[in-house]
C-alpha cells in the first residue's frame, strides 16, 4: 500500500490559479470548491501554493496571489511512494503536496485524505461502517 507510486492516488487535474489573480477571486474559489490549498501555476510550471491561511494572514483586497503565496513549497514526483507522502504529511504538517516532474511542471496534487482513502480502501474494500448504506448507494 505505502510502497505504491503517488501517481496512483494523486488528483491529476487539480484546481490551479495564476500569480496575477486577485485574492478576492481565489478566496471565493476556495469557498465554492471547498478547498484550502491551491497550486499557483504559470505556463504549466509550479510557482507556489496559496492556502486559506495565506489569505487570512494577508487580507488586503488589492493583493494578488503572487504577493501572498508560499514560494517555498515542498513537492514530490509521480514516482515517489505513497509512504513518502504520508511521512511528509506527518512530519511537516502539510495537507497538500504538489506533484511535479523534473521540469517543475505540475502533474497533480496529493492530499493527506488521498493517502487515508487509499490505505482504507486497500485494507477494507467494503465499508466497515454503515455497510447497508453502501449497498443502497450501489443499487
N, C-alpha and C. Protein backbone atom coordinates (compact mmCIF):
# COMPACT_ATOMS: atom_id res chain seq x y z
N UNK A 1 0.82 -1.20 0.00
CA UNK A 1 0.00 0.00 0.00
C UNK A 1 0.86 1.26 0.00
N UNK A 2 1.72 1.36 0.99
CA UNK A 2 2.53 2.57 1.13
C UNK A 2 3.71 2.57 0.16
N UNK A 3 3.97 1.43 -0.48
CA UNK A 3 5.08 1.33 -1.41
C UNK A 3 4.64 1.61 -2.85
N UNK A 4 3.38 1.90 -3.07
CA UNK A 4 2.90 2.22 -4.41
C UNK A 4 3.24 3.66 -4.76
N UNK A 5 3.25 3.96 -6.05
CA UNK A 5 3.63 5.30 -6.50
C UNK A 5 2.48 6.29 -6.29
N UNK A 6 2.87 7.51 -5.98
CA UNK A 6 1.91 8.59 -5.75
C UNK A 6 0.98 8.79 -6.95
N UNK A 7 1.48 8.57 -8.14
CA UNK A 7 0.66 8.80 -9.33
C UNK A 7 -0.61 7.96 -9.34
N UNK A 8 -0.64 6.86 -8.57
CA UNK A 8 -1.85 6.02 -8.48
C UNK A 8 -2.98 6.70 -7.72
N UNK A 9 -2.63 7.62 -6.83
CA UNK A 9 -3.67 8.21 -5.97
C UNK A 9 -3.82 9.72 -6.13
N UNK A 10 -2.94 10.37 -6.88
CA UNK A 10 -2.98 11.83 -6.97
C UNK A 10 -4.17 12.30 -7.82
N UNK A 11 -4.56 13.53 -7.59
CA UNK A 11 -5.55 14.20 -8.44
C UNK A 11 -4.78 14.77 -9.62
N UNK A 12 -5.15 14.37 -10.82
CA UNK A 12 -4.36 14.76 -11.99
C UNK A 12 -4.76 16.09 -12.61
N UNK A 13 -5.93 16.59 -12.32
CA UNK A 13 -6.35 17.89 -12.85
C UNK A 13 -6.80 18.79 -11.71
N UNK A 14 -5.87 19.19 -10.85
CA UNK A 14 -6.29 19.99 -9.71
C UNK A 14 -6.68 21.42 -10.11
N UNK A 15 -7.42 22.05 -9.24
CA UNK A 15 -7.72 23.47 -9.40
C UNK A 15 -6.41 24.22 -9.25
N UNK A 16 -6.13 25.14 -10.15
CA UNK A 16 -4.92 25.96 -10.06
C UNK A 16 -5.30 27.43 -10.27
N UNK A 17 -4.40 28.31 -9.84
CA UNK A 17 -4.58 29.74 -10.07
C UNK A 17 -3.29 30.31 -10.63
N UNK A 18 -3.41 31.47 -11.25
CA UNK A 18 -2.23 32.17 -11.75
C UNK A 18 -1.75 33.19 -10.74
N UNK A 19 -0.51 33.64 -10.89
CA UNK A 19 0.07 34.56 -9.91
C UNK A 19 -0.57 35.94 -9.88
N UNK A 20 -1.21 36.34 -10.96
CA UNK A 20 -1.80 37.69 -11.03
C UNK A 20 -3.25 37.75 -10.56
N UNK A 21 -3.83 36.60 -10.22
CA UNK A 21 -5.23 36.59 -9.78
C UNK A 21 -5.39 37.32 -8.47
N UNK A 22 -6.57 37.89 -8.29
CA UNK A 22 -6.84 38.65 -7.06
C UNK A 22 -7.12 37.72 -5.90
N UNK A 23 -6.82 38.21 -4.73
CA UNK A 23 -7.08 37.47 -3.50
C UNK A 23 -8.58 37.21 -3.36
N UNK A 24 -9.39 38.18 -3.73
CA UNK A 24 -10.85 38.02 -3.61
C UNK A 24 -11.35 36.86 -4.46
N UNK A 25 -10.87 36.75 -5.69
CA UNK A 25 -11.35 35.68 -6.56
C UNK A 25 -10.88 34.31 -6.06
N UNK A 26 -9.67 34.24 -5.54
CA UNK A 26 -9.15 32.98 -5.02
C UNK A 26 -9.90 32.59 -3.75
N UNK A 27 -10.18 33.56 -2.91
CA UNK A 27 -10.93 33.29 -1.69
C UNK A 27 -12.31 32.72 -2.03
N UNK A 28 -12.97 33.32 -3.00
CA UNK A 28 -14.29 32.82 -3.40
C UNK A 28 -14.19 31.42 -4.02
N UNK A 29 -13.13 31.19 -4.78
CA UNK A 29 -12.91 29.87 -5.38
C UNK A 29 -12.75 28.80 -4.31
N UNK A 30 -11.98 29.13 -3.27
CA UNK A 30 -11.79 28.18 -2.18
C UNK A 30 -13.12 27.85 -1.49
N UNK A 31 -13.94 28.86 -1.31
CA UNK A 31 -15.25 28.65 -0.69
C UNK A 31 -16.12 27.80 -1.59
N UNK A 32 -16.20 28.17 -2.86
CA UNK A 32 -17.07 27.46 -3.81
C UNK A 32 -16.66 26.00 -3.99
N UNK A 33 -15.37 25.75 -4.06
CA UNK A 33 -14.88 24.40 -4.33
C UNK A 33 -14.53 23.62 -3.07
N UNK A 34 -14.68 24.28 -1.91
CA UNK A 34 -14.42 23.65 -0.62
C UNK A 34 -13.00 23.07 -0.53
N UNK A 35 -12.03 23.90 -0.91
CA UNK A 35 -10.63 23.52 -0.83
C UNK A 35 -9.86 24.58 -0.04
N UNK A 36 -8.72 24.19 0.51
CA UNK A 36 -7.95 25.12 1.34
C UNK A 36 -6.56 25.42 0.80
N UNK A 37 -6.13 24.69 -0.21
CA UNK A 37 -4.81 24.92 -0.80
C UNK A 37 -4.94 24.82 -2.32
N UNK A 38 -4.30 25.76 -3.01
CA UNK A 38 -4.36 25.75 -4.48
C UNK A 38 -2.95 26.01 -5.02
N UNK A 39 -2.48 25.15 -5.93
CA UNK A 39 -1.18 25.41 -6.57
C UNK A 39 -1.26 26.66 -7.44
N UNK A 40 -0.17 27.40 -7.45
CA UNK A 40 -0.05 28.59 -8.30
C UNK A 40 0.84 28.18 -9.47
N UNK A 41 0.29 28.33 -10.67
CA UNK A 41 0.96 27.82 -11.88
C UNK A 41 0.99 28.90 -12.95
N UNK A 42 2.11 28.94 -13.66
CA UNK A 42 2.21 29.81 -14.84
C UNK A 42 2.94 29.03 -15.92
N UNK A 43 2.34 28.96 -17.09
CA UNK A 43 2.89 28.20 -18.22
C UNK A 43 3.19 26.75 -17.83
N UNK A 44 2.31 26.18 -17.01
CA UNK A 44 2.45 24.78 -16.60
C UNK A 44 3.44 24.53 -15.47
N UNK A 45 4.20 25.54 -15.10
CA UNK A 45 5.23 25.40 -14.06
C UNK A 45 4.67 25.83 -12.70
N UNK A 46 5.03 25.07 -11.68
CA UNK A 46 4.62 25.39 -10.32
C UNK A 46 5.43 26.57 -9.79
N UNK A 47 4.74 27.61 -9.35
CA UNK A 47 5.40 28.77 -8.75
C UNK A 47 5.28 28.78 -7.23
N UNK A 48 4.21 28.18 -6.73
CA UNK A 48 3.99 28.20 -5.30
C UNK A 48 2.66 27.57 -4.95
N UNK A 49 2.22 27.85 -3.73
CA UNK A 49 0.97 27.32 -3.22
C UNK A 49 0.31 28.43 -2.41
N UNK A 50 -0.97 28.60 -2.62
CA UNK A 50 -1.69 29.58 -1.81
C UNK A 50 -2.70 28.82 -0.95
N UNK A 51 -2.77 29.19 0.31
CA UNK A 51 -3.63 28.50 1.26
C UNK A 51 -4.64 29.47 1.86
N UNK A 52 -5.66 28.89 2.47
CA UNK A 52 -6.64 29.73 3.16
C UNK A 52 -5.96 30.52 4.28
N UNK A 53 -4.94 29.95 4.90
CA UNK A 53 -4.19 30.67 5.93
C UNK A 53 -3.47 31.88 5.33
N UNK A 54 -2.89 31.71 4.13
CA UNK A 54 -2.23 32.84 3.46
C UNK A 54 -3.22 33.98 3.23
N UNK A 55 -4.44 33.61 2.83
CA UNK A 55 -5.46 34.62 2.58
C UNK A 55 -5.88 35.30 3.87
N UNK A 56 -6.00 34.52 4.93
CA UNK A 56 -6.39 35.07 6.22
C UNK A 56 -5.32 36.03 6.75
N UNK A 57 -4.04 35.65 6.60
CA UNK A 57 -2.92 36.49 7.06
C UNK A 57 -2.83 37.80 6.30
N UNK A 58 -3.10 37.74 5.01
CA UNK A 58 -2.90 38.88 4.11
C UNK A 58 -4.23 39.23 3.46
N UNK A 59 -5.08 39.86 4.22
CA UNK A 59 -6.44 40.06 3.73
C UNK A 59 -6.67 41.39 3.02
N UNK A 60 -5.65 41.97 2.45
CA UNK A 60 -5.82 43.18 1.68
C UNK A 60 -6.52 42.84 0.36
N UNK A 61 -7.61 43.50 0.11
CA UNK A 61 -8.40 43.21 -1.10
C UNK A 61 -7.65 43.51 -2.39
N UNK A 62 -6.63 44.34 -2.31
CA UNK A 62 -5.89 44.72 -3.52
C UNK A 62 -4.72 43.79 -3.81
N UNK A 63 -4.47 42.84 -2.94
CA UNK A 63 -3.34 41.92 -3.12
C UNK A 63 -3.60 40.93 -4.23
N UNK A 64 -2.51 40.45 -4.81
CA UNK A 64 -2.59 39.38 -5.81
C UNK A 64 -2.00 38.11 -5.21
N UNK A 65 -2.23 37.02 -5.88
CA UNK A 65 -1.74 35.73 -5.42
C UNK A 65 -0.23 35.74 -5.22
N UNK A 66 0.51 36.29 -6.18
CA UNK A 66 1.97 36.26 -6.07
C UNK A 66 2.49 37.04 -4.87
N UNK A 67 1.71 37.97 -4.36
CA UNK A 67 2.14 38.75 -3.20
C UNK A 67 2.00 37.99 -1.88
N UNK A 68 1.13 37.00 -1.85
CA UNK A 68 0.86 36.31 -0.58
C UNK A 68 1.13 34.81 -0.61
N UNK A 69 1.38 34.25 -1.79
CA UNK A 69 1.57 32.80 -1.88
C UNK A 69 2.86 32.35 -1.21
N UNK A 70 2.90 31.09 -0.88
CA UNK A 70 4.11 30.47 -0.34
C UNK A 70 4.95 29.98 -1.52
N UNK A 71 6.14 30.53 -1.67
CA UNK A 71 7.01 30.15 -2.78
C UNK A 71 7.95 29.01 -2.42
N UNK A 72 8.11 28.76 -1.15
CA UNK A 72 8.99 27.69 -0.68
C UNK A 72 8.13 26.45 -0.41
N UNK A 73 7.80 25.74 -1.47
CA UNK A 73 6.85 24.64 -1.39
C UNK A 73 7.57 23.30 -1.53
N UNK A 74 7.27 22.41 -0.64
CA UNK A 74 7.79 21.05 -0.73
C UNK A 74 6.97 20.31 -1.77
N UNK A 75 7.64 19.60 -2.68
CA UNK A 75 6.96 18.88 -3.76
C UNK A 75 7.42 17.42 -3.76
N UNK A 76 6.65 16.60 -4.45
CA UNK A 76 7.04 15.22 -4.70
C UNK A 76 6.83 14.93 -6.17
N UNK A 77 7.36 13.80 -6.62
CA UNK A 77 7.22 13.42 -8.03
C UNK A 77 6.20 12.29 -8.14
N UNK A 78 5.68 12.05 -9.35
CA UNK A 78 4.71 10.97 -9.53
C UNK A 78 5.25 9.60 -9.13
N UNK A 79 6.56 9.41 -9.21
CA UNK A 79 7.15 8.11 -8.88
C UNK A 79 7.49 7.95 -7.40
N UNK A 80 7.38 9.03 -6.62
CA UNK A 80 7.60 8.91 -5.18
C UNK A 80 6.54 8.00 -4.59
N UNK A 81 6.84 7.42 -3.48
CA UNK A 81 5.96 6.43 -2.86
C UNK A 81 4.89 7.11 -2.00
N UNK A 82 3.75 6.45 -1.90
CA UNK A 82 2.66 6.92 -1.04
C UNK A 82 3.17 7.07 0.39
N UNK A 83 4.03 6.16 0.82
CA UNK A 83 4.61 6.24 2.16
C UNK A 83 5.43 7.50 2.37
N UNK A 84 6.10 7.96 1.33
CA UNK A 84 6.87 9.21 1.42
C UNK A 84 5.92 10.38 1.66
N UNK A 85 4.83 10.41 0.91
CA UNK A 85 3.83 11.46 1.11
C UNK A 85 3.29 11.40 2.52
N UNK A 86 2.98 10.21 3.00
CA UNK A 86 2.44 10.05 4.35
C UNK A 86 3.42 10.58 5.40
N UNK A 87 4.70 10.27 5.23
CA UNK A 87 5.70 10.76 6.18
C UNK A 87 5.78 12.28 6.16
N UNK A 88 5.71 12.87 4.98
CA UNK A 88 5.75 14.33 4.88
C UNK A 88 4.53 14.95 5.54
N UNK A 89 3.38 14.34 5.34
CA UNK A 89 2.17 14.85 5.99
C UNK A 89 2.31 14.78 7.51
N UNK A 90 2.88 13.70 8.00
CA UNK A 90 3.03 13.55 9.46
C UNK A 90 4.11 14.46 10.02
N UNK A 91 5.24 14.52 9.36
CA UNK A 91 6.39 15.25 9.89
C UNK A 91 6.30 16.77 9.71
N UNK A 92 5.76 17.20 8.61
CA UNK A 92 5.79 18.63 8.28
C UNK A 92 4.45 19.33 8.45
N UNK A 93 3.42 18.58 8.74
CA UNK A 93 2.08 19.12 8.95
C UNK A 93 1.48 19.74 7.69
N UNK A 94 1.83 19.19 6.55
CA UNK A 94 1.22 19.62 5.29
C UNK A 94 -0.12 18.94 5.11
N UNK A 95 -0.96 19.52 4.28
CA UNK A 95 -2.23 18.90 3.90
C UNK A 95 -2.25 18.54 2.42
N UNK A 96 -1.48 19.28 1.64
CA UNK A 96 -1.45 19.09 0.19
C UNK A 96 -0.01 19.16 -0.29
N UNK A 97 0.36 18.23 -1.17
CA UNK A 97 1.68 18.26 -1.79
C UNK A 97 1.52 18.32 -3.30
N UNK A 98 2.07 19.35 -3.95
CA UNK A 98 2.08 19.37 -5.40
C UNK A 98 2.96 18.24 -5.93
N UNK A 99 2.51 17.63 -7.02
CA UNK A 99 3.27 16.56 -7.67
C UNK A 99 3.80 17.15 -8.98
N UNK A 100 5.13 17.19 -9.11
CA UNK A 100 5.76 17.80 -10.28
C UNK A 100 6.73 16.82 -10.93
N UNK A 101 7.01 17.06 -12.22
CA UNK A 101 8.05 16.28 -12.90
C UNK A 101 9.39 17.00 -12.72
N UNK A 102 10.41 16.49 -13.38
CA UNK A 102 11.75 17.06 -13.22
C UNK A 102 11.89 18.47 -13.79
N UNK A 103 10.94 18.88 -14.63
CA UNK A 103 10.94 20.23 -15.19
C UNK A 103 10.07 21.18 -14.38
N UNK A 104 9.65 20.74 -13.20
CA UNK A 104 8.80 21.52 -12.30
C UNK A 104 7.42 21.80 -12.89
N UNK A 105 6.98 20.94 -13.80
CA UNK A 105 5.63 21.07 -14.35
C UNK A 105 4.66 20.34 -13.43
N UNK A 106 3.58 21.02 -13.08
CA UNK A 106 2.60 20.42 -12.18
C UNK A 106 1.88 19.27 -12.88
N UNK A 107 1.91 18.11 -12.26
CA UNK A 107 1.24 16.93 -12.78
C UNK A 107 0.02 16.55 -11.96
N UNK A 108 -0.08 17.10 -10.75
CA UNK A 108 -1.22 16.81 -9.90
C UNK A 108 -0.94 17.26 -8.48
N UNK A 109 -1.84 16.85 -7.59
CA UNK A 109 -1.64 17.07 -6.17
C UNK A 109 -2.04 15.80 -5.44
N UNK A 110 -1.45 15.61 -4.28
CA UNK A 110 -1.85 14.52 -3.41
C UNK A 110 -2.11 15.14 -2.04
N UNK A 111 -3.19 14.70 -1.42
CA UNK A 111 -3.57 15.23 -0.11
C UNK A 111 -3.47 14.14 0.95
N UNK A 112 -3.46 14.58 2.18
CA UNK A 112 -3.46 13.62 3.29
C UNK A 112 -4.69 12.73 3.19
N UNK A 113 -5.82 13.29 2.79
CA UNK A 113 -7.03 12.49 2.65
C UNK A 113 -6.86 11.43 1.57
N UNK A 114 -6.16 11.74 0.48
CA UNK A 114 -5.91 10.74 -0.57
C UNK A 114 -5.17 9.54 0.00
N UNK A 115 -4.19 9.79 0.85
CA UNK A 115 -3.41 8.71 1.46
C UNK A 115 -4.29 7.87 2.38
N UNK A 116 -5.10 8.53 3.19
CA UNK A 116 -6.00 7.81 4.09
C UNK A 116 -6.98 6.96 3.30
N UNK A 117 -7.62 7.57 2.30
CA UNK A 117 -8.60 6.84 1.47
C UNK A 117 -7.95 5.64 0.79
N UNK A 118 -6.76 5.83 0.23
CA UNK A 118 -6.05 4.75 -0.45
C UNK A 118 -5.79 3.58 0.50
N UNK A 119 -5.28 3.88 1.67
CA UNK A 119 -4.96 2.82 2.62
C UNK A 119 -6.22 2.13 3.14
N UNK A 120 -7.26 2.87 3.39
CA UNK A 120 -8.50 2.26 3.88
C UNK A 120 -9.14 1.37 2.80
N UNK A 121 -9.19 1.84 1.57
CA UNK A 121 -9.83 1.02 0.53
C UNK A 121 -9.00 -0.19 0.17
N UNK A 122 -7.69 -0.11 0.33
CA UNK A 122 -6.85 -1.28 0.10
C UNK A 122 -7.06 -2.31 1.21
N UNK A 123 -7.13 -1.82 2.44
CA UNK A 123 -7.29 -2.72 3.58
C UNK A 123 -8.73 -3.22 3.75
N UNK A 124 -9.68 -2.37 3.40
CA UNK A 124 -11.10 -2.70 3.59
C UNK A 124 -11.86 -2.34 2.31
N UNK A 125 -11.88 -3.23 1.30
CA UNK A 125 -12.56 -2.92 0.04
C UNK A 125 -14.06 -2.65 0.23
N UNK A 126 -14.64 -3.25 1.25
CA UNK A 126 -16.03 -2.98 1.58
C UNK A 126 -16.06 -2.08 2.81
N UNK A 127 -17.00 -1.17 2.87
CA UNK A 127 -17.04 -0.27 4.02
C UNK A 127 -17.26 -1.03 5.33
N UNK A 128 -16.60 -0.57 6.38
CA UNK A 128 -16.76 -1.22 7.68
C UNK A 128 -17.79 -0.50 8.54
N UNK A 129 -18.07 0.74 8.22
CA UNK A 129 -19.13 1.48 8.90
C UNK A 129 -20.30 1.66 7.94
N UNK A 130 -21.47 1.42 8.40
CA UNK A 130 -22.69 1.62 7.63
C UNK A 130 -22.68 0.88 6.29
N UNK A 131 -22.38 -0.41 6.28
CA UNK A 131 -22.35 -1.15 5.01
C UNK A 131 -23.71 -1.19 4.33
N UNK A 132 -24.79 -1.11 5.09
CA UNK A 132 -26.12 -1.11 4.48
C UNK A 132 -26.34 0.13 3.63
N UNK A 133 -25.78 1.25 4.02
CA UNK A 133 -25.88 2.47 3.23
C UNK A 133 -25.11 2.30 1.93
N UNK A 134 -23.94 1.70 2.01
CA UNK A 134 -23.13 1.45 0.82
C UNK A 134 -23.89 0.58 -0.18
N UNK A 135 -24.55 -0.44 0.31
CA UNK A 135 -25.33 -1.33 -0.57
C UNK A 135 -26.48 -0.57 -1.24
N UNK A 136 -27.14 0.33 -0.51
CA UNK A 136 -28.23 1.12 -1.09
C UNK A 136 -27.71 2.04 -2.18
N UNK A 137 -26.55 2.61 -1.98
CA UNK A 137 -25.96 3.52 -2.98
C UNK A 137 -25.60 2.76 -4.24
N UNK A 138 -25.08 1.55 -4.09
CA UNK A 138 -24.69 0.73 -5.26
C UNK A 138 -25.91 0.31 -6.08
N UNK A 139 -27.06 0.13 -5.44
CA UNK A 139 -28.25 -0.37 -6.13
C UNK A 139 -28.86 0.63 -7.07
